[in-house]
Amino acid sequence: MALTRRKQWTRTDRQAVSFEELAYSNMLTLNALIELLNEKGLIGKREILERVKRLQAQTQVRKKPH
């Protein structure tokens, strides 16, 4: 990464990735965050799963029919 004149980090080494690679990377990142939060006692896995289910239900309500 390179530092621009505005002192913001930008990626200069961009590489195309497949949707599957992106999804897998996101999954690993989320799993790592969940494990760390759980290990530190900040939030339990059950609470996270409940929140995911709630957000999925909200998203289903917002989807427009095809």
PDB file of N, CA and C in Angstrom:
ATOM      1  N   MET A   1       0.836  -1.178   0.000  1.00  0.00           N
ATOM      2  CA  MET A   1       0.000   0.000   0.000  1.00  0.00           C
ATOM      3  C   MET A   1       0.882   1.244   0.000  1.00  0.00           C
ATOM      4  N   ALA A   2       0.368   2.279  -0.612  1.00  0.00           N
ATOM      5  CA  ALA A   2       1.130   3.515  -0.711  1.00  0.00           C
ATOM      6  C   ALA A   2       0.402   4.644  -0.002  1.00  0.00           C
ATOM      7  N   LEU A   3       1.155   5.557   0.573  1.00  0.00           N
ATOM      8  CA  LEU A   3       0.584   6.710   1.242  1.00  0.00           C
ATOM      9  C   LEU A   3       0.470   7.841   0.229  1.00  0.00           C
ATOM     10  N   THR A   4      -0.730   8.368   0.042  1.00  0.00           N
ATOM     11  CA  THR A   4      -0.922   9.457  -0.917  1.00  0.00           C
ATOM     12  C   THR A   4      -0.654  10.790  -0.239  1.00  0.00           C
ATOM     13  N   ARG A   5      -0.681  11.871  -1.005  1.00  0.00           N
ATOM     14  CA  ARG A   5      -0.441  13.203  -0.452  1.00  0.00           C
ATOM     15  C   ARG A   5      -1.471  13.580   0.605  1.00  0.00           C
ATOM     16  N   ARG A   6      -2.679  13.045   0.496  1.00  0.00           N
ATOM     17  CA  ARG A   6      -3.728  13.344   1.466  1.00  0.00           C
ATOM     18  C   ARG A   6      -3.606  12.499   2.727  1.00  0.00           C
ATOM     19  N   LYS A   7      -2.540  11.749   2.833  1.00  0.00           N
ATOM     20  CA  LYS A   7      -2.278  10.890   3.991  1.00  0.00           C
ATOM     21  C   LYS A   7      -3.351   9.828   4.177  1.00  0.00           C
ATOM     22  N   GLN A   8      -3.845   9.291   3.061  1.00  0.00           N
ATOM     23  CA  GLN A   8      -4.786   8.184   3.095  1.00  0.00           C
ATOM     24  C   GLN A   8      -4.116   6.981   2.449  1.00  0.00           C
ATOM     25  N   TRP A   9      -4.418   5.818   2.984  1.00  0.00           N
ATOM     26  CA  TRP A   9      -3.848   4.603   2.427  1.00  0.00           C
ATOM     27  C   TRP A   9      -4.664   4.169   1.223  1.00  0.00           C
ATOM     28  N   THR A  10      -3.984   3.839   0.158  1.00  0.00           N
ATOM     29  CA  THR A  10      -4.643   3.319  -1.038  1.00  0.00           C
ATOM     30  C   THR A  10      -3.907   2.070  -1.486  1.00  0.00           C
ATOM     31  N   ARG A  11      -4.638   1.146  -2.078  1.00  0.00           N
ATOM     32  CA  ARG A  11      -4.010  -0.080  -2.587  1.00  0.00           C
ATOM     33  C   ARG A  11      -3.520   0.159  -4.000  1.00  0.00           C
ATOM     34  N   THR A  12      -2.258  -0.145  -4.214  1.00  0.00           N
ATOM     35  CA  THR A  12      -1.700  -0.017  -5.558  1.00  0.00           C
ATOM     36  C   THR A  12      -1.494  -1.386  -6.197  1.00  0.00           C
ATOM     37  N   ASP A  13      -1.741  -2.446  -5.449  1.00  0.00           N
ATOM     38  CA  ASP A  13      -1.509  -3.809  -5.938  1.00  0.00           C
ATOM     39  C   ASP A  13      -2.814  -4.577  -6.059  1.00  0.00           C
ATOM     40  N   ARG A  14      -3.837  -3.949  -6.613  1.00  0.00           N
ATOM     41  CA  ARG A  14      -5.155  -4.600  -6.728  1.00  0.00           C
ATOM     42  C   ARG A  14      -5.076  -5.813  -7.637  1.00  0.00           C
ATOM     43  N   GLN A  15      -5.852  -6.813  -7.267  1.00  0.00           N
ATOM     44  CA  GLN A  15      -5.884  -8.057  -8.031  1.00  0.00           C
ATOM     45  C   GLN A  15      -7.316  -8.552  -8.074  1.00  0.00           C
ATOM     46  N   ALA A  16      -7.743  -8.991  -9.239  1.00  0.00           N
ATOM     47  CA  ALA A  16      -9.098  -9.517  -9.375  1.00  0.00           C
ATOM     48  C   ALA A  16      -9.201 -10.838  -8.630  1.00  0.00           C
ATOM     49  N   VAL A  17     -10.309 -11.010  -7.906  1.00  0.00           N
ATOM     50  CA  VAL A  17     -10.565 -12.270  -7.216  1.00  0.00           C
ATOM     51  C   VAL A  17     -11.970 -12.728  -7.572  1.00  0.00           C
ATOM     52  N   SER A  18     -12.188 -14.009  -7.458  1.00  0.00           N
ATOM     53  CA  SER A  18     -13.507 -14.549  -7.768  1.00  0.00           C
ATOM     54  C   SER A  18     -14.450 -14.284  -6.600  1.00  0.00           C
ATOM     55  N   PHE A  19     -15.730 -14.400  -6.893  1.00  0.00           N
ATOM     56  CA  PHE A  19     -16.733 -14.234  -5.848  1.00  0.00           C
ATOM     57  C   PHE A  19     -16.501 -15.264  -4.750  1.00  0.00           C
ATOM     58  N   GLU A  20     -16.153 -16.486  -5.122  1.00  0.00           N
ATOM     59  CA  GLU A  20     -15.922 -17.549  -4.141  1.00  0.00           C
ATOM     60  C   GLU A  20     -14.753 -17.204  -3.226  1.00  0.00           C
ATOM     61  N   GLU A  21     -13.664 -16.660  -3.802  1.00  0.00           N
ATOM     62  CA  GLU A  21     -12.514 -16.276  -2.987  1.00  0.00           C
ATOM     63  C   GLU A  21     -12.874 -15.149  -2.024  1.00  0.00           C
ATOM     64  N   LEU A  22     -13.652 -14.197  -2.503  1.00  0.00           N
ATOM     65  CA  LEU A  22     -14.074 -13.096  -1.669  1.00  0.00           C
ATOM     66  C   LEU A  22     -14.977 -13.580  -0.539  1.00  0.00           C
ATOM     67  N   ALA A  23     -15.929 -14.444  -0.869  1.00  0.00           N
ATOM     68  CA  ALA A  23     -16.832 -14.991   0.143  1.00  0.00           C
ATOM     69  C   ALA A  23     -16.051 -15.792   1.185  1.00  0.00           C
ATOM     70  N   TYR A  24     -15.090 -16.590   0.733  1.00  0.00           N
ATOM     71  CA  TYR A  24     -14.280 -17.398   1.649  1.00  0.00           C
ATOM     72  C   TYR A  24     -13.457 -16.501   2.574  1.00  0.00           C
ATOM     73  N   SER A  25     -12.863 -15.458   2.022  1.00  0.00           N
ATOM     74  CA  SER A  25     -12.083 -14.521   2.820  1.00  0.00           C
ATOM     75  C   SER A  25     -12.959 -13.832   3.858  1.00  0.00           C
ATOM     76  N   ASN A  26     -14.150 -13.408   3.450  1.00  0.00           N
ATOM     77  CA  ASN A  26     -15.082 -12.779   4.388  1.00  0.00           C
ATOM     78  C   ASN A  26     -15.491 -13.753   5.484  1.00  0.00           C
ATOM     79  N   MET A  27     -15.720 -15.005   5.120  1.00  0.00           N
ATOM     80  CA  MET A  27     -16.105 -16.012   6.100  1.00  0.00           C
ATOM     81  C   MET A  27     -15.000 -16.203   7.145  1.00  0.00           C
ATOM     82  N   LEU A  28     -13.754 -16.300   6.689  1.00  0.00           N
ATOM     83  CA  LEU A  28     -12.647 -16.476   7.617  1.00  0.00           C
ATOM     84  C   LEU A  28     -12.500 -15.270   8.541  1.00  0.00           C
ATOM     85  N   THR A  29     -12.655 -14.082   7.993  1.00  0.00           N
ATOM     86  CA  THR A  29     -12.560 -12.865   8.790  1.00  0.00           C
ATOM     87  C   THR A  29     -13.646 -12.823   9.854  1.00  0.00           C
ATOM     88  N   LEU A  30     -14.881 -13.139   9.454  1.00  0.00           N
ATOM     89  CA  LEU A  30     -15.979 -13.152  10.421  1.00  0.00           C
ATOM     90  C   LEU A  30     -15.774 -14.211  11.494  1.00  0.00           C
ATOM     91  N   ASN A  31     -15.307 -15.385  11.095  1.00  0.00           N
ATOM     92  CA  ASN A  31     -15.059 -16.442  12.075  1.00  0.00           C
ATOM     93  C   ASN A  31     -13.991 -16.024  13.075  1.00  0.00           C
ATOM     94  N   ALA A  32     -12.937 -15.372  12.587  1.00  0.00           N
ATOM     95  CA  ALA A  32     -11.881 -14.904  13.479  1.00  0.00           C
ATOM     96  C   ALA A  32     -12.417 -13.875  14.468  1.00  0.00           C
ATOM     97  N   LEU A  33     -13.228 -12.940  13.982  1.00  0.00           N
ATOM     98  CA  LEU A  33     -13.808 -11.925  14.866  1.00  0.00           C
ATOM     99  C   LEU A  33     -14.728 -12.554  15.912  1.00  0.00           C
ATOM    100  N   ILE A  34     -15.550 -13.497  15.479  1.00  0.00           N
ATOM    101  CA  ILE A  34     -16.461 -14.175  16.405  1.00  0.00           C
ATOM    102  C   ILE A  34     -15.674 -14.911  17.483  1.00  0.00           C
ATOM    103  N   GLU A  35     -14.630 -15.626  17.083  1.00  0.00           N
ATOM    104  CA  GLU A  35     -13.814 -16.357  18.052  1.00  0.00           C
ATOM    105  C   GLU A  35     -13.146 -15.418  19.047  1.00  0.00           C
ATOM    106  N   LEU A  36     -12.600 -14.307  18.548  1.00  0.00           N
ATOM    107  CA  LEU A  36     -11.945 -13.356  19.444  1.00  0.00           C
ATOM    108  C   LEU A  36     -12.926 -12.723  20.423  1.00  0.00           C
ATOM    109  N   LEU A  37     -14.083 -12.302  19.933  1.00  0.00           N
ATOM    110  CA  LEU A  37     -15.091 -11.719  20.812  1.00  0.00           C
ATOM    111  C   LEU A  37     -15.544 -12.722  21.867  1.00  0.00           C
ATOM    112  N   ASN A  38     -15.709 -13.965  21.453  1.00  0.00           N
ATOM    113  CA  ASN A  38     -16.123 -15.015  22.373  1.00  0.00           C
ATOM    114  C   ASN A  38     -15.033 -15.308  23.404  1.00  0.00           C
ATOM    115  N   GLU A  39     -13.786 -15.425  22.947  1.00  0.00           N
ATOM    116  CA  GLU A  39     -12.671 -15.714  23.854  1.00  0.00           C
ATOM    117  C   GLU A  39     -12.491 -14.621  24.901  1.00  0.00           C
ATOM    118  N   LYS A  40     -12.730 -13.380  24.506  1.00  0.00           N
ATOM    119  CA  LYS A  40     -12.565 -12.265  25.429  1.00  0.00           C
ATOM    120  C   LYS A  40     -13.793 -12.047  26.301  1.00  0.00           C
ATOM    121  N   GLY A  41     -14.822 -12.855  26.070  1.00  0.00           N
ATOM    122  CA  GLY A  41     -16.023 -12.758  26.878  1.00  0.00           C
ATOM    123  C   GLY A  41     -16.877 -11.539  26.571  1.00  0.00           C
ATOM    124  N   LEU A  42     -16.683 -10.946  25.411  1.00  0.00           N
ATOM    125  CA  LEU A  42     -17.439  -9.747  25.059  1.00  0.00           C
ATOM    126  C   LEU A  42     -18.815 -10.078  24.510  1.00  0.00           C
ATOM    127  N   ILE A  43     -18.919 -11.194  23.809  1.00  0.00           N
ATOM    128  CA  ILE A  43     -20.206 -11.616  23.256  1.00  0.00           C
ATOM    129  C   ILE A  43     -20.117 -13.116  22.976  1.00  0.00           C
ATOM    130  N   GLY A  44     -21.205 -13.810  23.207  1.00  0.00           N
ATOM    131  CA  GLY A  44     -21.226 -15.252  22.991  1.00  0.00           C
ATOM    132  C   GLY A  44     -21.661 -15.609  21.582  1.00  0.00           C
ATOM    133  N   LYS A  45     -21.307 -16.809  21.169  1.00  0.00           N
ATOM    134  CA  LYS A  45     -21.682 -17.272  19.832  1.00  0.00           C
ATOM    135  C   LYS A  45     -23.194 -17.312  19.661  1.00  0.00           C
ATOM    136  N   ARG A  46     -23.908 -17.683  20.721  1.00  0.00           N
ATOM    137  CA  ARG A  46     -25.366 -17.740  20.650  1.00  0.00           C
ATOM    138  C   ARG A  46     -25.950 -16.359  20.342  1.00  0.00           C
ATOM    139  N   GLU A  47     -25.401 -15.329  20.995  1.00  0.00           N
ATOM    140  CA  GLU A  47     -25.878 -13.965  20.740  1.00  0.00           C
ATOM    141  C   GLU A  47     -25.638 -13.553  19.293  1.00  0.00           C
ATOM    142  N   ILE A  48     -24.512 -13.935  18.769  1.00  0.00           N
ATOM    143  CA  ILE A  48     -24.188 -13.604  17.378  1.00  0.00           C
ATOM    144  C   ILE A  48     -25.143 -14.312  16.432  1.00  0.00           C
ATOM    145  N   LEU A  49     -25.386 -15.597  16.676  1.00  0.00           N
ATOM    146  CA  LEU A  49     -26.301 -16.346  15.813  1.00  0.00           C
ATOM    147  C   LEU A  49     -27.713 -15.765  15.865  1.00  0.00           C
ATOM    148  N   GLU A  50     -28.149 -15.352  17.060  1.00  0.00           N
ATOM    149  CA  GLU A  50     -29.468 -14.735  17.183  1.00  0.00           C
ATOM    150  C   GLU A  50     -29.538 -13.443  16.376  1.00  0.00           C
ATOM    151  N   ARG A  51     -28.468 -12.663  16.418  1.00  0.00           N
ATOM    152  CA  ARG A  51     -28.443 -11.407  15.669  1.00  0.00           C
ATOM    153  C   ARG A  51     -28.438 -11.675  14.164  1.00  0.00           C
ATOM    154  N   VAL A  52     -27.685 -12.670  13.747  1.00  0.00           N
ATOM    155  CA  VAL A  52     -27.652 -13.030  12.321  1.00  0.00           C
ATOM    156  C   VAL A  52     -29.045 -13.430  11.852  1.00  0.00           C
ATOM    157  N   LYS A  53     -29.726 -14.250  12.641  1.00  0.00           N
ATOM    158  CA  LYS A  53     -31.084 -14.674  12.279  1.00  0.00           C
ATOM    159  C   LYS A  53     -32.025 -13.481  12.195  1.00  0.00           C
ATOM    160  N   ARG A  54     -31.904 -12.549  13.140  1.00  0.00           N
ATOM    161  CA  ARG A  54     -32.754 -11.364  13.125  1.00  0.00           C
ATOM    162  C   ARG A  54     -32.492 -10.514  11.884  1.00  0.00           C
ATOM    163  N   LEU A  55     -31.225 -10.326  11.550  1.00  0.00           N
ATOM    164  CA  LEU A  55     -30.884  -9.540  10.366  1.00  0.00           C
ATOM    165  C   LEU A  55     -31.338 -10.229   9.084  1.00  0.00           C
ATOM    166  N   GLN A  56     -31.237 -11.559   9.049  1.00  0.00           N
ATOM    167  CA  GLN A  56     -31.722 -12.295   7.878  1.00  0.00           C
ATOM    168  C   GLN A  56     -33.223 -12.110   7.720  1.00  0.00           C
ATOM    169  N   ALA A  57     -33.949 -12.158   8.829  1.00  0.00           N
ATOM    170  CA  ALA A  57     -35.396 -11.974   8.767  1.00  0.00           C
ATOM    171  C   ALA A  57     -35.740 -10.562   8.296  1.00  0.00           C
ATOM    172  N   GLN A  58     -35.024  -9.573   8.782  1.00  0.00           N
ATOM    173  CA  GLN A  58     -35.264  -8.194   8.358  1.00  0.00           C
ATOM    174  C   GLN A  58     -34.964  -8.019   6.872  1.00  0.00           C
ATOM    175  N   THR A  59     -33.916  -8.664   6.406  1.00  0.00           N
ATOM    176  CA  THR A  59     -33.526  -8.563   5.004  1.00  0.00           C
ATOM    177  C   THR A  59     -34.586  -9.211   4.120  1.00  0.00           C
ATOM    178  N   GLN A  60     -35.148 -10.338   4.567  1.00  0.00           N
ATOM    179  CA  GLN A  60     -36.184 -11.008   3.803  1.00  0.00           C
ATOM    180  C   GLN A  60     -37.407 -10.120   3.657  1.00  0.00           C
ATOM    181  N   VAL A  61     -37.738  -9.383   4.706  1.00  0.00           N
ATOM    182  CA  VAL A  61     -38.894  -8.496   4.681  1.00  0.00           C
ATOM    183  C   VAL A  61     -38.673  -7.366   3.676  1.00  0.00           C
ATOM    184  N   ARG A  62     -37.448  -6.864   3.585  1.00  0.00           N
ATOM    185  CA  ARG A  62     -37.132  -5.741   2.720  1.00  0.00           C
ATOM    186  C   ARG A  62     -37.001  -6.121   1.248  1.00  0.00           C
ATOM    187  N   LYS A  63     -36.752  -7.383   0.960  1.00  0.00           N
ATOM    188  CA  LYS A  63     -36.585  -7.813  -0.434  1.00  0.00           C
ATOM    189  C   LYS A  63     -37.854  -7.577  -1.215  1.00  0.00           C
ATOM    190  N   LYS A  64     -37.694  -7.086  -2.427  1.00  0.00           N
ATOM    191  CA  LYS A  64     -38.843  -6.871  -3.293  1.00  0.00           C
ATOM    192  C   LYS A  64     -39.135  -8.144  -4.068  1.00  0.00           C
ATOM    193  N   PRO A  65     -40.384  -8.453  -4.281  1.00  0.00           N
ATOM    194  CA  PRO A  65     -40.695  -9.657  -5.076  1.00  0.00           C
ATOM    195  C   PRO A  65     -40.229  -9.478  -6.515  1.00  0.00           C
ATOM    196  N   HIS A  66     -39.866 -10.591  -7.137  1.00  0.00           N
ATOM    197  CA  HIS A  66     -39.365 -10.548  -8.525  1.00  0.00           C
ATOM    198  C   HIS A  66     -40.499 -10.476  -9.494  1.00  0.00           C
TER     199      HIS A  66
END
